[in-house]
């Protein structure tokens, strides 16, 4: 039924820095709860092996679908581009999420800058 469509809730793309020095990117509508799961060894397989030391950055996006798309794109970039993108997108919140267009433009800008293309 058309009346049963759920409204989109903001979702966050987060960056963890692990005790090993490695980084982990994930998505969640409830990042504090997800961080606790990672720290307790109930998160991803990666964070069971590389325990998180800190939640380094959060970027809020309009929906889980958009967050998942950006997670996929970010995981294909170099670490330096990922860190630059998270820093560039730092001023988002659940009430003021970044648009897909703004997030993609920032990702391309960070990648070009690090390649020396602009």
N, C-alpha and C. Protein backbone atom coordinates (compact mmCIF):
# COMPACT_ATOMS: atom_id res chain seq x y z
N UNK A 1 0.83 -1.19 0.00
CA UNK A 1 0.00 0.00 0.00
C UNK A 1 0.87 1.25 0.00
N UNK A 2 0.42 2.28 -0.62
CA UNK A 2 1.19 3.51 -0.69
C UNK A 2 1.31 4.19 0.66
N UNK A 3 0.37 4.03 1.54
CA UNK A 3 0.41 4.66 2.85
C UNK A 3 1.44 4.06 3.78
N UNK A 4 2.02 2.91 3.43
CA UNK A 4 2.98 2.23 4.30
C UNK A 4 4.42 2.61 4.02
N UNK A 5 4.67 3.57 3.15
CA UNK A 5 6.04 3.97 2.83
C UNK A 5 6.66 4.70 4.02
N UNK A 6 7.82 4.21 4.45
CA UNK A 6 8.51 4.84 5.58
C UNK A 6 9.25 6.09 5.11
N UNK A 7 9.23 7.15 5.91
CA UNK A 7 10.02 8.33 5.53
C UNK A 7 11.50 8.01 5.68
N UNK A 8 12.32 8.66 4.88
CA UNK A 8 13.77 8.48 4.98
C UNK A 8 14.26 9.13 6.27
N UNK A 9 15.14 8.41 6.96
CA UNK A 9 15.78 8.96 8.14
C UNK A 9 17.23 9.25 7.80
N UNK A 10 17.79 10.31 8.38
CA UNK A 10 19.21 10.57 8.14
C UNK A 10 20.07 9.40 8.61
N UNK A 11 21.13 9.18 7.91
CA UNK A 11 22.06 8.10 8.23
C UNK A 11 23.46 8.69 8.18
N UNK A 12 24.34 8.15 8.97
CA UNK A 12 25.68 8.72 8.99
C UNK A 12 26.71 7.75 8.45
N UNK A 13 27.68 8.31 7.80
CA UNK A 13 28.86 7.60 7.34
C UNK A 13 29.93 7.97 8.36
N UNK A 14 30.57 6.98 8.97
CA UNK A 14 31.52 7.29 10.04
C UNK A 14 32.88 6.68 9.75
N UNK A 15 33.88 7.31 10.34
CA UNK A 15 35.26 6.86 10.19
C UNK A 15 35.81 6.55 11.58
N UNK A 16 36.21 5.30 11.76
CA UNK A 16 36.86 4.88 13.01
C UNK A 16 38.36 4.80 12.77
N UNK A 17 39.13 5.21 13.76
CA UNK A 17 40.56 4.96 13.75
C UNK A 17 40.78 3.84 14.77
N UNK A 18 41.41 2.79 14.32
CA UNK A 18 41.59 1.60 15.16
C UNK A 18 42.92 1.67 15.93
N UNK A 19 43.01 0.84 16.98
CA UNK A 19 44.21 0.80 17.80
C UNK A 19 45.44 0.42 16.98
N UNK A 20 45.23 -0.33 15.92
CA UNK A 20 46.33 -0.75 15.04
C UNK A 20 46.78 0.38 14.11
N UNK A 21 46.04 1.51 14.10
CA UNK A 21 46.35 2.61 13.20
C UNK A 21 45.57 2.56 11.90
N UNK A 22 44.91 1.45 11.64
CA UNK A 22 44.10 1.32 10.43
C UNK A 22 42.79 2.07 10.61
N UNK A 23 42.10 2.32 9.52
CA UNK A 23 40.82 3.02 9.59
C UNK A 23 39.71 2.12 9.08
N UNK A 24 38.49 2.43 9.51
CA UNK A 24 37.32 1.66 9.12
C UNK A 24 36.19 2.63 8.82
N UNK A 25 35.49 2.42 7.72
CA UNK A 25 34.35 3.24 7.34
C UNK A 25 33.09 2.38 7.43
N UNK A 26 32.05 2.94 8.03
CA UNK A 26 30.78 2.24 8.14
C UNK A 26 29.63 3.21 8.08
N UNK A 27 28.41 2.67 8.08
CA UNK A 27 27.21 3.51 8.07
C UNK A 27 26.28 3.08 9.20
N UNK A 28 25.54 4.04 9.73
CA UNK A 28 24.58 3.74 10.78
C UNK A 28 23.64 4.92 10.98
N UNK A 29 22.41 4.61 11.35
CA UNK A 29 21.47 5.66 11.75
C UNK A 29 21.72 6.06 13.20
N UNK A 30 22.40 5.18 13.94
CA UNK A 30 22.67 5.41 15.35
C UNK A 30 24.15 5.17 15.63
N UNK A 31 25.02 6.13 15.27
CA UNK A 31 26.47 5.89 15.35
C UNK A 31 27.01 5.60 16.74
N UNK A 32 26.45 6.18 17.79
CA UNK A 32 26.94 5.91 19.14
C UNK A 32 26.70 4.45 19.52
N UNK A 33 25.54 3.92 19.15
CA UNK A 33 25.21 2.52 19.43
C UNK A 33 26.11 1.60 18.61
N UNK A 34 26.34 1.97 17.36
CA UNK A 34 27.19 1.16 16.49
C UNK A 34 28.63 1.15 16.99
N UNK A 35 29.12 2.29 17.46
CA UNK A 35 30.47 2.36 18.01
C UNK A 35 30.60 1.43 19.21
N UNK A 36 29.61 1.42 20.09
CA UNK A 36 29.64 0.51 21.24
C UNK A 36 29.69 -0.94 20.79
N UNK A 37 28.95 -1.28 19.74
CA UNK A 37 28.98 -2.65 19.21
C UNK A 37 30.37 -2.99 18.68
N UNK A 38 30.98 -2.07 17.95
CA UNK A 38 32.34 -2.29 17.44
C UNK A 38 33.32 -2.49 18.61
N UNK A 39 33.23 -1.64 19.62
CA UNK A 39 34.15 -1.72 20.76
C UNK A 39 33.96 -2.99 21.57
N UNK A 40 32.75 -3.52 21.58
CA UNK A 40 32.45 -4.75 22.31
C UNK A 40 32.75 -6.01 21.49
N UNK A 41 33.22 -5.82 20.26
CA UNK A 41 33.52 -6.98 19.41
C UNK A 41 32.31 -7.55 18.72
N UNK A 42 31.21 -6.80 18.68
CA UNK A 42 29.98 -7.26 18.04
C UNK A 42 29.69 -6.49 16.76
N UNK A 43 30.67 -5.73 16.27
CA UNK A 43 30.49 -4.97 15.04
C UNK A 43 30.89 -5.82 13.86
N UNK A 44 31.68 -5.28 13.00
CA UNK A 44 32.13 -6.00 11.81
C UNK A 44 33.30 -6.93 12.15
N UNK A 45 33.58 -7.84 11.24
CA UNK A 45 34.71 -8.74 11.40
C UNK A 45 36.02 -7.94 11.50
N UNK A 46 36.14 -6.91 10.66
CA UNK A 46 37.34 -6.08 10.66
C UNK A 46 37.60 -5.46 12.04
N UNK A 47 36.54 -4.92 12.67
CA UNK A 47 36.75 -4.26 13.97
C UNK A 47 36.88 -5.27 15.12
N UNK A 48 36.55 -6.52 14.87
CA UNK A 48 36.86 -7.53 15.89
C UNK A 48 38.37 -7.77 15.93
N UNK A 49 39.01 -7.68 14.78
CA UNK A 49 40.46 -7.87 14.68
C UNK A 49 41.23 -6.58 14.95
N UNK A 50 40.63 -5.44 14.65
CA UNK A 50 41.26 -4.12 14.80
C UNK A 50 40.34 -3.25 15.64
N UNK A 51 40.44 -3.33 16.94
CA UNK A 51 39.51 -2.62 17.83
C UNK A 51 39.61 -1.10 17.64
N UNK A 52 38.45 -0.44 17.59
CA UNK A 52 38.43 1.01 17.42
C UNK A 52 39.03 1.74 18.62
N UNK A 53 39.85 2.74 18.34
CA UNK A 53 40.39 3.60 19.39
C UNK A 53 39.55 4.87 19.50
N UNK A 54 39.03 5.34 18.35
CA UNK A 54 38.27 6.60 18.36
C UNK A 54 37.33 6.68 17.17
N UNK A 55 36.23 7.35 17.40
CA UNK A 55 35.32 7.73 16.31
C UNK A 55 35.87 9.04 15.78
N UNK A 56 36.45 9.02 14.61
CA UNK A 56 37.21 10.16 14.09
C UNK A 56 36.33 11.20 13.41
N UNK A 57 35.39 10.78 12.59
CA UNK A 57 34.52 11.71 11.86
C UNK A 57 33.14 11.10 11.64
N UNK A 58 32.14 11.97 11.57
CA UNK A 58 30.77 11.61 11.19
C UNK A 58 30.34 12.53 10.05
N UNK A 59 29.71 11.97 9.05
CA UNK A 59 29.09 12.77 8.00
C UNK A 59 27.66 12.29 7.86
N UNK A 60 26.72 13.19 8.09
CA UNK A 60 25.30 12.84 8.01
C UNK A 60 24.79 13.04 6.59
N UNK A 61 23.99 12.09 6.15
CA UNK A 61 23.42 12.09 4.80
C UNK A 61 21.92 11.86 4.91
N UNK A 62 21.15 12.21 3.87
CA UNK A 62 19.69 12.16 3.96
C UNK A 62 19.09 10.77 4.16
N UNK A 63 19.77 9.70 3.69
CA UNK A 63 19.18 8.37 3.79
C UNK A 63 20.26 7.29 3.86
N UNK A 64 19.84 6.10 4.26
CA UNK A 64 20.76 4.96 4.31
C UNK A 64 21.24 4.59 2.90
N UNK A 65 20.36 4.71 1.93
CA UNK A 65 20.72 4.38 0.55
C UNK A 65 21.86 5.28 0.05
N UNK A 66 21.78 6.56 0.33
CA UNK A 66 22.83 7.49 -0.07
C UNK A 66 24.12 7.20 0.70
N UNK A 67 24.00 6.92 2.00
CA UNK A 67 25.18 6.60 2.81
C UNK A 67 25.86 5.34 2.28
N UNK A 68 25.09 4.33 1.91
CA UNK A 68 25.66 3.08 1.39
C UNK A 68 26.36 3.33 0.05
N UNK A 69 25.78 4.16 -0.78
CA UNK A 69 26.40 4.48 -2.07
C UNK A 69 27.75 5.17 -1.84
N UNK A 70 27.79 6.13 -0.94
CA UNK A 70 29.03 6.85 -0.68
C UNK A 70 30.06 5.96 0.02
N UNK A 71 29.60 5.08 0.89
CA UNK A 71 30.52 4.13 1.53
C UNK A 71 31.22 3.29 0.45
N UNK A 72 30.46 2.81 -0.50
CA UNK A 72 31.01 2.01 -1.61
C UNK A 72 32.05 2.81 -2.38
N UNK A 73 31.73 4.07 -2.69
CA UNK A 73 32.68 4.91 -3.44
C UNK A 73 33.93 5.23 -2.62
N UNK A 74 33.74 5.54 -1.34
CA UNK A 74 34.89 5.89 -0.49
C UNK A 74 35.85 4.73 -0.30
N UNK A 75 35.30 3.53 -0.17
CA UNK A 75 36.16 2.36 0.08
C UNK A 75 37.06 2.04 -1.11
N UNK A 76 36.82 2.67 -2.24
CA UNK A 76 37.64 2.47 -3.42
C UNK A 76 38.71 3.55 -3.59
N UNK A 77 38.74 4.49 -2.66
CA UNK A 77 39.71 5.59 -2.71
C UNK A 77 40.89 5.31 -1.80
N UNK A 78 41.97 6.04 -2.02
CA UNK A 78 43.14 5.95 -1.15
C UNK A 78 42.79 6.53 0.22
N UNK A 79 43.52 6.09 1.23
CA UNK A 79 43.27 6.55 2.60
C UNK A 79 43.35 8.08 2.71
N UNK A 80 44.32 8.68 2.04
CA UNK A 80 44.47 10.14 2.10
C UNK A 80 43.23 10.85 1.54
N UNK A 81 42.64 10.32 0.48
CA UNK A 81 41.42 10.91 -0.08
C UNK A 81 40.24 10.74 0.87
N UNK A 82 40.17 9.59 1.52
CA UNK A 82 39.09 9.35 2.50
C UNK A 82 39.18 10.35 3.65
N UNK A 83 40.37 10.51 4.20
CA UNK A 83 40.56 11.42 5.33
C UNK A 83 40.25 12.86 4.91
N UNK A 84 40.70 13.26 3.72
CA UNK A 84 40.42 14.61 3.23
C UNK A 84 38.92 14.82 3.04
N UNK A 85 38.22 13.80 2.52
CA UNK A 85 36.77 13.92 2.32
C UNK A 85 36.04 14.08 3.64
N UNK A 86 36.38 13.25 4.63
CA UNK A 86 35.72 13.37 5.93
C UNK A 86 35.96 14.75 6.54
N UNK A 87 37.17 15.26 6.42
CA UNK A 87 37.47 16.60 6.96
C UNK A 87 36.66 17.67 6.23
N UNK A 88 36.53 17.54 4.90
CA UNK A 88 35.79 18.52 4.11
C UNK A 88 34.29 18.49 4.40
N UNK A 89 33.78 17.35 4.84
CA UNK A 89 32.33 17.20 5.05
C UNK A 89 31.95 17.27 6.53
N UNK A 90 32.80 17.80 7.36
CA UNK A 90 32.62 17.74 8.82
C UNK A 90 31.42 18.52 9.35
N UNK A 91 30.91 19.49 8.62
CA UNK A 91 29.85 20.33 9.19
C UNK A 91 28.44 19.87 8.83
N UNK A 92 28.18 18.58 8.96
CA UNK A 92 26.83 18.04 8.74
C UNK A 92 26.24 17.61 10.08
N UNK A 93 24.93 17.43 10.11
CA UNK A 93 24.24 16.97 11.31
C UNK A 93 22.98 16.23 10.87
N UNK A 94 22.32 15.51 11.80
CA UNK A 94 21.08 14.82 11.41
C UNK A 94 20.03 15.80 10.88
N UNK A 95 20.00 17.02 11.42
CA UNK A 95 19.01 17.99 10.94
C UNK A 95 19.49 18.75 9.70
N UNK A 96 20.80 18.69 9.40
CA UNK A 96 21.38 19.34 8.22
C UNK A 96 22.30 18.37 7.48
N UNK A 97 21.74 17.28 6.91
CA UNK A 97 22.60 16.31 6.22
C UNK A 97 23.11 16.88 4.89
N UNK A 98 24.22 16.34 4.43
CA UNK A 98 24.78 16.72 3.14
C UNK A 98 23.98 16.06 2.02
N UNK A 99 23.87 16.72 0.90
CA UNK A 99 23.20 16.12 -0.25
C UNK A 99 24.16 15.15 -0.94
N UNK A 100 23.61 14.24 -1.71
CA UNK A 100 24.43 13.31 -2.48
C UNK A 100 25.34 14.07 -3.44
N UNK A 101 24.79 15.10 -4.08
CA UNK A 101 25.57 15.88 -5.04
C UNK A 101 26.76 16.55 -4.36
N UNK A 102 26.53 17.18 -3.22
CA UNK A 102 27.61 17.87 -2.50
C UNK A 102 28.67 16.87 -2.04
N UNK A 103 28.24 15.72 -1.56
CA UNK A 103 29.18 14.71 -1.08
C UNK A 103 30.02 14.15 -2.22
N UNK A 104 29.40 13.89 -3.37
CA UNK A 104 30.14 13.37 -4.54
C UNK A 104 31.10 14.40 -5.09
N UNK A 105 30.67 15.66 -5.14
CA UNK A 105 31.55 16.72 -5.62
C UNK A 105 32.77 16.86 -4.71
N UNK A 106 32.55 16.81 -3.40
CA UNK A 106 33.66 16.91 -2.45
C UNK A 106 34.61 15.73 -2.61
N UNK A 107 34.09 14.55 -2.84
CA UNK A 107 34.93 13.37 -3.01
C UNK A 107 35.81 13.51 -4.27
N UNK A 108 35.22 13.96 -5.35
CA UNK A 108 36.00 14.16 -6.58
C UNK A 108 37.03 15.26 -6.40
N UNK A 109 36.65 16.33 -5.72
CA UNK A 109 37.58 17.43 -5.46
C UNK A 109 38.77 16.96 -4.64
N UNK A 110 38.52 16.19 -3.59
CA UNK A 110 39.59 15.65 -2.74
C UNK A 110 40.50 14.72 -3.54
N UNK A 111 39.91 13.89 -4.36
CA UNK A 111 40.71 12.96 -5.17
C UNK A 111 41.58 13.69 -6.18
N UNK A 112 41.00 14.71 -6.85
CA UNK A 112 41.77 15.51 -7.84
C UNK A 112 42.92 16.24 -7.15
N UNK A 113 42.64 16.85 -6.01
CA UNK A 113 43.66 17.61 -5.28
C UNK A 113 44.83 16.72 -4.90
N UNK A 114 44.53 15.53 -4.41
CA UNK A 114 45.59 14.62 -3.98
C UNK A 114 46.37 14.04 -5.17
N UNK A 115 45.73 13.96 -6.33
CA UNK A 115 46.43 13.48 -7.54
C UNK A 115 47.25 14.59 -8.15
N UNK A 116 46.94 15.84 -7.76
CA UNK A 116 47.64 16.99 -8.35
C UNK A 116 46.95 17.52 -9.58
N UNK A 117 45.67 17.16 -9.77
CA UNK A 117 44.92 17.59 -10.95
C UNK A 117 44.16 18.91 -10.73
N UNK A 118 44.29 19.51 -9.59
CA UNK A 118 43.53 20.74 -9.41
C UNK A 118 43.36 21.02 -8.00
